[in-house]
Protein backbone atom coordinates (compact mmCIF):
# COMPACT_ATOMS: atom_id res chain seq x y z
CA MET A 1 -0.05 0.23 0.32
CA ASN A 2 1.30 3.30 -1.09
CA VAL A 3 1.26 5.54 2.38
CA PRO A 4 1.83 9.51 1.93
CA GLU A 5 4.54 11.11 3.63
CA ILE A 6 5.62 14.26 4.33
CA ASP A 7 8.83 15.76 6.14
CA VAL A 8 8.95 17.37 9.72
CA HIS A 9 8.65 20.92 8.43
CA GLU A 10 5.46 20.24 6.59
CA ALA A 11 4.10 18.19 9.74
CA ALA A 12 4.94 20.83 11.99
CA ARG A 13 3.08 23.22 9.81
CA ARG A 14 -0.07 20.66 9.75
CA ARG A 15 0.22 20.03 13.57
CA ASP A 16 0.31 24.07 14.13
CA SER A 17 -2.75 24.21 12.16
CA GLY A 18 -4.73 21.44 14.13
CA THR A 19 -3.85 18.12 12.24
CA PRO A 20 -3.41 15.54 14.98
CA VAL A 21 -0.61 13.72 15.61
CA VAL A 22 -0.32 9.92 17.18
CA ASP A 23 3.12 8.75 18.03
CA VAL A 24 3.73 5.03 18.19
CA ARG A 25 6.87 4.61 19.63
CA GLU A 26 6.83 2.54 23.05
CA PRO A 27 6.17 4.72 26.09
CA HIS A 28 9.54 4.82 27.69
CA GLU A 29 10.50 6.57 24.44
CA TYR A 30 7.67 9.18 24.32
CA VAL A 31 8.18 10.30 27.98
CA GLU A 32 11.87 11.40 27.15
CA ALA A 33 10.29 13.57 23.81
CA HIS A 34 7.75 14.00 21.84
CA VAL A 35 5.87 16.25 19.51
CA PRO A 36 3.60 18.64 21.31
CA GLY A 37 -0.18 17.25 21.60
CA ALA A 38 0.93 13.89 20.22
CA VAL A 39 -1.07 10.82 21.36
CA LEU A 40 0.71 7.58 22.31
CA ILE A 41 -0.62 4.48 20.87
CA PRO A 42 2.60 2.30 20.54
CA LEU A 43 2.71 0.17 17.27
CA GLY A 44 1.81 -3.32 18.60
CA GLU A 45 -1.74 -1.53 19.90
CA VAL A 46 -2.39 0.41 16.82
CA MET A 47 -5.13 -1.97 15.37
CA ALA A 48 -6.71 -2.96 18.70
CA ARG A 49 -6.96 0.88 19.68
CA ALA A 50 -7.76 2.45 16.27
CA GLU A 51 -10.83 3.78 17.44
CA GLU A 52 -8.74 6.25 19.35
CA VAL A 53 -7.08 7.57 16.26
CA PRO A 54 -8.68 10.72 15.26
CA SER A 55 -11.09 10.14 12.18
CA GLY A 56 -12.63 12.79 9.87
CA GLY A 57 -9.33 14.14 8.53
CA GLU A 58 -6.01 13.63 8.10
CA VAL A 59 -3.76 12.39 11.02
CA LEU A 60 0.26 12.55 11.41
CA ILE A 61 1.70 9.17 12.49
CA VAL A 62 5.09 9.56 14.06
CA CYS A 63 7.98 7.10 15.75
CA LYS A 64 11.64 7.61 16.12
CA ALA A 65 12.96 7.66 12.63
CA GLY A 66 9.79 6.52 10.26
CA GLY A 67 9.75 2.88 10.04
CA ARG A 68 7.15 2.11 12.90
CA SER A 69 5.09 5.20 11.87
CA ARG A 70 5.06 3.82 8.15
CA ARG A 71 3.64 0.57 9.14
CA ALA A 72 1.15 2.04 11.58
CA ALA A 73 -0.07 4.41 8.93
CA GLU A 74 -0.17 1.36 6.43
CA GLU A 75 -2.45 -0.46 9.14
CA LEU A 76 -4.82 2.47 9.89
CA ARG A 77 -5.38 3.49 6.22
CA SER A 78 -6.44 -0.23 5.64
CA ARG A 79 -8.97 0.63 7.95
CA GLY A 80 -9.93 3.99 6.06
CA LEU A 81 -8.26 6.66 8.19
CA ASP A 82 -6.37 9.20 6.18
CA ALA A 83 -2.91 8.58 8.04
CA ILE A 84 0.18 10.29 6.77
CA ASN A 85 3.78 8.82 7.67
CA VAL A 86 6.24 11.81 9.32
CA ALA A 87 9.37 11.01 7.43
CA GLY A 88 12.40 10.86 9.74
CA GLY A 89 10.17 10.72 12.70
CA THR A 90 10.80 12.46 16.24
CA ASP A 91 14.66 12.19 15.62
CA ALA A 92 14.48 14.63 12.15
CA TRP A 93 11.94 16.50 14.40
CA ILE A 94 14.50 17.53 17.10
CA ALA A 95 17.33 17.66 14.58
CA ALA A 96 15.34 20.40 12.65
CA GLY A 97 14.90 22.13 15.68
CA HIS A 98 11.30 21.69 16.22
CA ARG A 99 9.83 21.73 19.97
CA VAL A 100 9.30 18.90 21.62
CA VAL A 101 7.91 17.84 25.15
CA SER A 102 8.54 15.24 27.65
CA GLY A 103 6.72 13.50 30.09
CA ASP A 104 3.62 11.02 29.84
CA GLU A 105 0.95 13.52 28.99
CA PRO A 106 0.51 14.85 25.17
CA GLY A 107 1.65 19.01 26.15
CA ALA A 108 0.51 21.63 24.06
């Protein structure tokens, strides 16, 4: 399945415009640093928790470097959701100088 992919700069622009973000890393990774507002749903739980993924528009899927998020986006798209992979993941987000938050809450 062809999964749409955007870079972190476009992802930041869309997030700032209200597009929801789902982080599919493990909890210990999420707590260290995550995209502000990102909701944690680890890759292994994505299909079981698909109803928690915002529907009705695009949703950005992020992980550490882009591999897990691509798989999650593919699974979510198979369920009819407009999931978009964020290329380079949180590593690229941080390297580009975009703000991150820490802790187990999404933050803003």
